[in-house]
Amino acid sequence: LRSDRFEAALKKRFERLDTNRDGKLAGDELPAERKDAILRADANKDGAVSFEEFAARPREMLVRRVQVEFKALDADGDG
């Protein structure tokens, strides 16, 4: 579960990037150095990132990192 403060910070960051205020992030609104990373969150492949997609990305990255760390610690591979 995400804290309210974290959710508010994500929303603020999203709104700052959403320069045309359409509720989606498109490539032309994104800084070049972050464009590819943010557009990878486009789960439905419509060419834009909704807030829901934007907010899901940090969680997905955390889950992947935990999975990698767990696999490294599970020396005998028994899960």
PDB file of N, CA and C in Angstrom:
ATOM      1  N   LEU A   1       0.819  -1.194   0.000  1.00  0.00           N
ATOM      2  CA  LEU A   1       0.000   0.000   0.000  1.00  0.00           C
ATOM      3  C   LEU A   1       0.861   1.255   0.000  1.00  0.00           C
ATOM      4  N   ARG A   2       0.452   2.190  -0.774  1.00  0.00           N
ATOM      5  CA  ARG A   2       1.192   3.424  -0.906  1.00  0.00           C
ATOM      6  C   ARG A   2       0.678   4.439   0.106  1.00  0.00           C
ATOM      7  N   SER A   3       1.563   5.173   0.703  1.00  0.00           N
ATOM      8  CA  SER A   3       1.140   6.194   1.658  1.00  0.00           C
ATOM      9  C   SER A   3       0.487   7.364   0.926  1.00  0.00           C
ATOM     10  N   ASP A   4      -0.358   8.070   1.638  1.00  0.00           N
ATOM     11  CA  ASP A   4      -1.024   9.237   1.055  1.00  0.00           C
ATOM     12  C   ASP A   4      -0.014  10.289   0.615  1.00  0.00           C
ATOM     13  N   ARG A   5       1.046  10.440   1.402  1.00  0.00           N
ATOM     14  CA  ARG A   5       2.070  11.437   1.066  1.00  0.00           C
ATOM     15  C   ARG A   5       2.798  11.067  -0.221  1.00  0.00           C
ATOM     16  N   PHE A   6       3.118   9.782  -0.357  1.00  0.00           N
ATOM     17  CA  PHE A   6       3.784   9.308  -1.568  1.00  0.00           C
ATOM     18  C   PHE A   6       2.868   9.499  -2.775  1.00  0.00           C
ATOM     19  N   GLU A   7       1.596   9.152  -2.612  1.00  0.00           N
ATOM     20  CA  GLU A   7       0.611   9.311  -3.686  1.00  0.00           C
ATOM     21  C   GLU A   7       0.493  10.779  -4.099  1.00  0.00           C
ATOM     22  N   ALA A   8       0.463  11.680  -3.125  1.00  0.00           N
ATOM     23  CA  ALA A   8       0.373  13.111  -3.408  1.00  0.00           C
ATOM     24  C   ALA A   8       1.612  13.611  -4.151  1.00  0.00           C
ATOM     25  N   ALA A   9       2.771  13.105  -3.764  1.00  0.00           N
ATOM     26  CA  ALA A   9       4.015  13.505  -4.436  1.00  0.00           C
ATOM     27  C   ALA A   9       4.026  13.009  -5.883  1.00  0.00           C
ATOM     28  N   LEU A  10       3.555  11.786  -6.115  1.00  0.00           N
ATOM     29  CA  LEU A  10       3.472  11.260  -7.477  1.00  0.00           C
ATOM     30  C   LEU A  10       2.512  12.100  -8.315  1.00  0.00           C
ATOM     31  N   LYS A  11       1.368  12.441  -7.722  1.00  0.00           N
ATOM     32  CA  LYS A  11       0.364  13.234  -8.436  1.00  0.00           C
ATOM     33  C   LYS A  11       0.930  14.608  -8.809  1.00  0.00           C
ATOM     34  N   LYS A  12       1.651  15.204  -7.873  1.00  0.00           N
ATOM     35  CA  LYS A  12       2.255  16.516  -8.130  1.00  0.00           C
ATOM     36  C   LYS A  12       3.282  16.425  -9.262  1.00  0.00           C
ATOM     37  N   ARG A  13       4.117  15.383  -9.246  1.00  0.00           N
ATOM     38  CA  ARG A  13       5.113  15.190 -10.307  1.00  0.00           C
ATOM     39  C   ARG A  13       4.417  14.974 -11.649  1.00  0.00           C
ATOM     40  N   PHE A  14       3.370  14.148 -11.658  1.00  0.00           N
ATOM     41  CA  PHE A  14       2.618  13.882 -12.882  1.00  0.00           C
ATOM     42  C   PHE A  14       2.035  15.184 -13.438  1.00  0.00           C
ATOM     43  N   GLU A  15       1.403  15.964 -12.571  1.00  0.00           N
ATOM     44  CA  GLU A  15       0.782  17.214 -13.013  1.00  0.00           C
ATOM     45  C   GLU A  15       1.809  18.209 -13.533  1.00  0.00           C
ATOM     46  N   ARG A  16       3.000  18.212 -12.949  1.00  0.00           N
ATOM     47  CA  ARG A  16       4.057  19.099 -13.422  1.00  0.00           C
ATOM     48  C   ARG A  16       4.489  18.709 -14.844  1.00  0.00           C
ATOM     49  N   LEU A  17       4.525  17.408 -15.115  1.00  0.00           N
ATOM     50  CA  LEU A  17       4.922  16.934 -16.440  1.00  0.00           C
ATOM     51  C   LEU A  17       3.811  17.093 -17.474  1.00  0.00           C
ATOM     52  N   ASP A  18       2.568  17.050 -17.046  1.00  0.00           N
ATOM     53  CA  ASP A  18       1.409  17.125 -17.942  1.00  0.00           C
ATOM     54  C   ASP A  18       1.146  18.582 -18.339  1.00  0.00           C
ATOM     55  N   THR A  19       1.992  19.098 -19.191  1.00  0.00           N
ATOM     56  CA  THR A  19       1.952  20.523 -19.522  1.00  0.00           C
ATOM     57  C   THR A  19       0.687  20.941 -20.269  1.00  0.00           C
ATOM     58  N   ASN A  20       0.069  20.041 -21.028  1.00  0.00           N
ATOM     59  CA  ASN A  20      -1.153  20.425 -21.735  1.00  0.00           C
ATOM     60  C   ASN A  20      -2.414  20.088 -20.934  1.00  0.00           C
ATOM     61  N   ARG A  21      -2.238  19.572 -19.727  1.00  0.00           N
ATOM     62  CA  ARG A  21      -3.322  19.317 -18.765  1.00  0.00           C
ATOM     63  C   ARG A  21      -4.425  18.409 -19.310  1.00  0.00           C
ATOM     64  N   ASP A  22      -4.033  17.391 -20.103  1.00  0.00           N
ATOM     65  CA  ASP A  22      -5.044  16.471 -20.630  1.00  0.00           C
ATOM     66  C   ASP A  22      -5.142  15.177 -19.821  1.00  0.00           C
ATOM     67  N   GLY A  23      -4.390  15.097 -18.730  1.00  0.00           N
ATOM     68  CA  GLY A  23      -4.449  13.909 -17.886  1.00  0.00           C
ATOM     69  C   GLY A  23      -3.621  12.756 -18.384  1.00  0.00           C
ATOM     70  N   LYS A  24      -2.763  13.003 -19.381  1.00  0.00           N
ATOM     71  CA  LYS A  24      -1.887  11.975 -19.937  1.00  0.00           C
ATOM     72  C   LYS A  24      -0.525  12.594 -20.211  1.00  0.00           C
ATOM     73  N   LEU A  25       0.492  11.753 -20.155  1.00  0.00           N
ATOM     74  CA  LEU A  25       1.833  12.206 -20.513  1.00  0.00           C
ATOM     75  C   LEU A  25       2.197  11.638 -21.875  1.00  0.00           C
ATOM     76  N   ALA A  26       2.494  12.527 -22.807  1.00  0.00           N
ATOM     77  CA  ALA A  26       2.919  12.130 -24.148  1.00  0.00           C
ATOM     78  C   ALA A  26       4.393  12.493 -24.309  1.00  0.00           C
ATOM     79  N   GLY A  27       5.023  11.888 -25.276  1.00  0.00           N
ATOM     80  CA  GLY A  27       6.450  12.087 -25.490  1.00  0.00           C
ATOM     81  C   GLY A  27       6.880  13.532 -25.600  1.00  0.00           C
ATOM     82  N   ASP A  28       6.068  14.369 -26.224  1.00  0.00           N
ATOM     83  CA  ASP A  28       6.462  15.770 -26.413  1.00  0.00           C
ATOM     84  C   ASP A  28       6.390  16.599 -25.124  1.00  0.00           C
ATOM     85  N   GLU A  29       5.818  16.041 -24.061  1.00  0.00           N
ATOM     86  CA  GLU A  29       5.750  16.746 -22.778  1.00  0.00           C
ATOM     87  C   GLU A  29       6.899  16.361 -21.847  1.00  0.00           C
ATOM     88  N   LEU A  30       7.630  15.340 -22.209  1.00  0.00           N
ATOM     89  CA  LEU A  30       8.608  14.766 -21.286  1.00  0.00           C
ATOM     90  C   LEU A  30      10.021  15.240 -21.560  1.00  0.00           C
ATOM     91  N   PRO A  31      10.805  15.417 -20.489  1.00  0.00           N
ATOM     92  CA  PRO A  31      12.214  15.769 -20.687  1.00  0.00           C
ATOM     93  C   PRO A  31      12.929  14.621 -21.399  1.00  0.00           C
ATOM     94  N   ALA A  32      13.793  14.958 -22.321  1.00  0.00           N
ATOM     95  CA  ALA A  32      14.473  13.954 -23.147  1.00  0.00           C
ATOM     96  C   ALA A  32      15.135  12.861 -22.317  1.00  0.00           C
ATOM     97  N   GLU A  33      15.747  13.240 -21.191  1.00  0.00           N
ATOM     98  CA  GLU A  33      16.474  12.263 -20.381  1.00  0.00           C
ATOM     99  C   GLU A  33      15.556  11.302 -19.629  1.00  0.00           C
ATOM    100  N   ARG A  34      14.280  11.605 -19.519  1.00  0.00           N
ATOM    101  CA  ARG A  34      13.329  10.734 -18.801  1.00  0.00           C
ATOM    102  C   ARG A  34      12.262  10.142 -19.719  1.00  0.00           C
ATOM    103  N   LYS A  35      12.216  10.611 -20.954  1.00  0.00           N
ATOM    104  CA  LYS A  35      11.152  10.238 -21.881  1.00  0.00           C
ATOM    105  C   LYS A  35      10.989   8.726 -22.016  1.00  0.00           C
ATOM    106  N   ASP A  36      12.050   8.012 -22.352  1.00  0.00           N
ATOM    107  CA  ASP A  36      11.950   6.567 -22.575  1.00  0.00           C
ATOM    108  C   ASP A  36      11.511   5.831 -21.312  1.00  0.00           C
ATOM    109  N   ALA A  37      12.072   6.209 -20.177  1.00  0.00           N
ATOM    110  CA  ALA A  37      11.733   5.549 -18.919  1.00  0.00           C
ATOM    111  C   ALA A  37      10.259   5.752 -18.581  1.00  0.00           C
ATOM    112  N   ILE A  38       9.755   6.952 -18.761  1.00  0.00           N
ATOM    113  CA  ILE A  38       8.355   7.225 -18.440  1.00  0.00           C
ATOM    114  C   ILE A  38       7.422   6.543 -19.435  1.00  0.00           C
ATOM    115  N   LEU A  39       7.761   6.577 -20.704  1.00  0.00           N
ATOM    116  CA  LEU A  39       6.890   5.959 -21.711  1.00  0.00           C
ATOM    117  C   LEU A  39       6.837   4.440 -21.587  1.00  0.00           C
ATOM    118  N   ARG A  40       7.810   3.825 -20.930  1.00  0.00           N
ATOM    119  CA  ARG A  40       7.744   2.377 -20.677  1.00  0.00           C
ATOM    120  C   ARG A  40       6.569   2.024 -19.764  1.00  0.00           C
ATOM    121  N   ALA A  41       6.042   2.994 -19.052  1.00  0.00           N
ATOM    122  CA  ALA A  41       4.887   2.770 -18.166  1.00  0.00           C
ATOM    123  C   ALA A  41       3.573   2.686 -18.947  1.00  0.00           C
ATOM    124  N   ASP A  42       3.604   2.925 -20.241  1.00  0.00           N
ATOM    125  CA  ASP A  42       2.398   2.914 -21.079  1.00  0.00           C
ATOM    126  C   ASP A  42       1.892   1.477 -21.254  1.00  0.00           C
ATOM    127  N   ALA A  43       1.201   0.973 -20.255  1.00  0.00           N
ATOM    128  CA  ALA A  43       0.777  -0.433 -20.213  1.00  0.00           C
ATOM    129  C   ALA A  43      -0.196  -0.789 -21.335  1.00  0.00           C
ATOM    130  N   ASN A  44      -1.084   0.123 -21.700  1.00  0.00           N
ATOM    131  CA  ASN A  44      -2.064  -0.197 -22.746  1.00  0.00           C
ATOM    132  C   ASN A  44      -1.583   0.181 -24.145  1.00  0.00           C
ATOM    133  N   LYS A  45      -0.367   0.673 -24.245  1.00  0.00           N
ATOM    134  CA  LYS A  45       0.282   0.996 -25.531  1.00  0.00           C
ATOM    135  C   LYS A  45      -0.528   1.955 -26.393  1.00  0.00           C
ATOM    136  N   ASP A  46      -1.118   2.975 -25.738  1.00  0.00           N
ATOM    137  CA  ASP A  46      -1.867   3.968 -26.502  1.00  0.00           C
ATOM    138  C   ASP A  46      -1.031   5.198 -26.852  1.00  0.00           C
ATOM    139  N   GLY A  47       0.243   5.160 -26.505  1.00  0.00           N
ATOM    140  CA  GLY A  47       1.134   6.270 -26.839  1.00  0.00           C
ATOM    141  C   GLY A  47       1.210   7.356 -25.787  1.00  0.00           C
ATOM    142  N   ALA A  48       0.488   7.172 -24.685  1.00  0.00           N
ATOM    143  CA  ALA A  48       0.499   8.144 -23.596  1.00  0.00           C
ATOM    144  C   ALA A  48       0.420   7.399 -22.269  1.00  0.00           C
ATOM    145  N   VAL A  49       0.869   8.062 -21.212  1.00  0.00           N
ATOM    146  CA  VAL A  49       0.889   7.460 -19.884  1.00  0.00           C
ATOM    147  C   VAL A  49      -0.132   8.160 -18.999  1.00  0.00           C
ATOM    148  N   SER A  50      -1.102   7.394 -18.514  1.00  0.00           N
ATOM    149  CA  SER A  50      -2.101   7.939 -17.588  1.00  0.00           C
ATOM    150  C   SER A  50      -1.487   8.007 -16.192  1.00  0.00           C
ATOM    151  N   PHE A  51      -2.166   8.682 -15.275  1.00  0.00           N
ATOM    152  CA  PHE A  51      -1.652   8.723 -13.908  1.00  0.00           C
ATOM    153  C   PHE A  51      -1.595   7.325 -13.311  1.00  0.00           C
ATOM    154  N   GLU A  52      -2.580   6.498 -13.587  1.00  0.00           N
ATOM    155  CA  GLU A  52      -2.588   5.140 -13.054  1.00  0.00           C
ATOM    156  C   GLU A  52      -1.365   4.358 -13.525  1.00  0.00           C
ATOM    157  N   GLU A  53      -1.030   4.493 -14.808  1.00  0.00           N
ATOM    158  CA  GLU A  53       0.162   3.825 -15.345  1.00  0.00           C
ATOM    159  C   GLU A  53       1.430   4.408 -14.720  1.00  0.00           C
ATOM    160  N   PHE A  54       1.467   5.721 -14.591  1.00  0.00           N
ATOM    161  CA  PHE A  54       2.620   6.419 -14.011  1.00  0.00           C
ATOM    162  C   PHE A  54       2.842   5.972 -12.567  1.00  0.00           C
ATOM    163  N   ALA A  55       1.760   5.855 -11.804  1.00  0.00           N
ATOM    164  CA  ALA A  55       1.846   5.493 -10.392  1.00  0.00           C
ATOM    165  C   ALA A  55       2.188   4.018 -10.200  1.00  0.00           C
ATOM    166  N   ALA A  56       1.831   3.165 -11.156  1.00  0.00           N
ATOM    167  CA  ALA A  56       2.110   1.731 -11.034  1.00  0.00           C
ATOM    168  C   ALA A  56       3.589   1.424 -11.232  1.00  0.00           C
ATOM    169  N   ARG A  57       4.287   2.242 -11.948  1.00  0.00           N
ATOM    170  CA  ARG A  57       5.696   1.978 -12.306  1.00  0.00           C
ATOM    171  C   ARG A  57       6.615   1.815 -11.094  1.00  0.00           C
ATOM    172  N   PRO A  58       6.592   2.707 -10.109  1.00  0.00           N
ATOM    173  CA  PRO A  58       7.496   2.520  -8.959  1.00  0.00           C
ATOM    174  C   PRO A  58       7.251   1.192  -8.237  1.00  0.00           C
ATOM    175  N   ARG A  59       5.999   0.786  -8.119  1.00  0.00           N
ATOM    176  CA  ARG A  59       5.680  -0.479  -7.456  1.00  0.00           C
ATOM    177  C   ARG A  59       6.237  -1.653  -8.258  1.00  0.00           C
ATOM    178  N   GLU A  60       6.056  -1.624  -9.575  1.00  0.00           N
ATOM    179  CA  GLU A  60       6.558  -2.699 -10.428  1.00  0.00           C
ATOM    180  C   GLU A  60       8.079  -2.818 -10.311  1.00  0.00           C
ATOM    181  N   MET A  61       8.748  -1.689 -10.262  1.00  0.00           N
ATOM    182  CA  MET A  61      10.208  -1.702 -10.146  1.00  0.00           C
ATOM    183  C   MET A  61      10.636  -2.284  -8.797  1.00  0.00           C
ATOM    184  N   LEU A  62       9.925  -1.949  -7.737  1.00  0.00           N
ATOM    185  CA  LEU A  62      10.228  -2.483  -6.413  1.00  0.00           C
ATOM    186  C   LEU A  62      10.020  -3.994  -6.381  1.00  0.00           C
ATOM    187  N   VAL A  63       8.920  -4.466  -6.940  1.00  0.00           N
ATOM    188  CA  VAL A  63       8.638  -5.903  -6.971  1.00  0.00           C
ATOM    189  C   VAL A  63       9.741  -6.632  -7.727  1.00  0.00           C
ATOM    190  N   ARG A  64      10.161  -6.109  -8.867  1.00  0.00           N
ATOM    191  CA  ARG A  64      11.245  -6.738  -9.637  1.00  0.00           C
ATOM    192  C   ARG A  64      12.540  -6.795  -8.847  1.00  0.00           C
ATOM    193  N   ARG A  65      12.850  -5.706  -8.161  1.00  0.00           N
ATOM    194  CA  ARG A  65      14.086  -5.665  -7.370  1.00  0.00           C
ATOM    195  C   ARG A  65      14.044  -6.700  -6.239  1.00  0.00           C
ATOM    196  N   VAL A  66      12.900  -6.818  -5.584  1.00  0.00           N
ATOM    197  CA  VAL A  66      12.757  -7.810  -4.512  1.00  0.00           C
ATOM    198  C   VAL A  66      12.891  -9.222  -5.087  1.00  0.00           C
ATOM    199  N   GLN A  67      12.300  -9.472  -6.243  1.00  0.00           N
ATOM    200  CA  GLN A  67      12.397 -10.788  -6.866  1.00  0.00           C
ATOM    201  C   GLN A  67      13.848 -11.148  -7.184  1.00  0.00           C
ATOM    202  N   VAL A  68      14.582 -10.196  -7.722  1.00  0.00           N
ATOM    203  CA  VAL A  68      15.994 -10.432  -8.047  1.00  0.00           C
ATOM    204  C   VAL A  68      16.796 -10.706  -6.779  1.00  0.00           C
ATOM    205  N   GLU A  69      16.567  -9.916  -5.747  1.00  0.00           N
ATOM    206  CA  GLU A  69      17.285 -10.108  -4.490  1.00  0.00           C
ATOM    207  C   GLU A  69      16.930 -11.447  -3.855  1.00  0.00           C
ATOM    208  N   PHE A  70      15.647 -11.815  -3.906  1.00  0.00           N
ATOM    209  CA  PHE A  70      15.233 -13.093  -3.331  1.00  0.00           C
ATOM    210  C   PHE A  70      15.906 -14.243  -4.066  1.00  0.00           C
ATOM    211  N   LYS A  71      15.911 -14.191  -5.376  1.00  0.00           N
ATOM    212  CA  LYS A  71      16.536 -15.250  -6.179  1.00  0.00           C
ATOM    213  C   LYS A  71      18.010 -15.383  -5.832  1.00  0.00           C
ATOM    214  N   ALA A  72      18.685 -14.264  -5.630  1.00  0.00           N
ATOM    215  CA  ALA A  72      20.105 -14.296  -5.280  1.00  0.00           C
ATOM    216  C   ALA A  72      20.317 -14.919  -3.906  1.00  0.00           C
ATOM    217  N   LEU A  73      19.387 -14.691  -2.978  1.00  0.00           N
ATOM    218  CA  LEU A  73      19.508 -15.248  -1.624  1.00  0.00           C
ATOM    219  C   LEU A  73      19.072 -16.710  -1.535  1.00  0.00           C
ATOM    220  N   ASP A  74      18.241 -17.150  -2.453  1.00  0.00           N
ATOM    221  CA  ASP A  74      17.707 -18.512  -2.450  1.00  0.00           C
ATOM    222  C   ASP A  74      18.705 -19.445  -3.137  1.00  0.00           C
ATOM    223  N   ALA A  75      19.802 -19.709  -2.436  1.00  0.00           N
ATOM    224  CA  ALA A  75      20.925 -20.457  -3.006  1.00  0.00           C
ATOM    225  C   ALA A  75      20.529 -21.833  -3.537  1.00  0.00           C
ATOM    226  N   ASP A  76      19.627 -22.523  -2.852  1.00  0.00           N
ATOM    227  CA  ASP A  76      19.264 -23.865  -3.315  1.00  0.00           C
ATOM    228  C   ASP A  76      18.079 -23.857  -4.261  1.00  0.00           C
ATOM    229  N   GLY A  77      17.516 -22.674  -4.545  1.00  0.00           N
ATOM    230  CA  GLY A  77      16.445 -22.542  -5.522  1.00  0.00           C
ATOM    231  C   GLY A  77      15.129 -23.168  -5.121  1.00  0.00           C
ATOM    232  N   ASP A  78      14.894 -23.361  -3.825  1.00  0.00           N
ATOM    233  CA  ASP A  78      13.656 -24.017  -3.389  1.00  0.00           C
ATOM    234  C   ASP A  78      12.508 -23.035  -3.116  1.00  0.00           C
ATOM    235  N   GLY A  79      12.764 -21.750  -3.354  1.00  0.00           N
ATOM    236  CA  GLY A  79      11.700 -20.772  -3.177  1.00  0.00           C
ATOM    237  C   GLY A  79      11.385 -20.485  -1.748  1.00  0.00           C
TER     238      GLY A  79
END
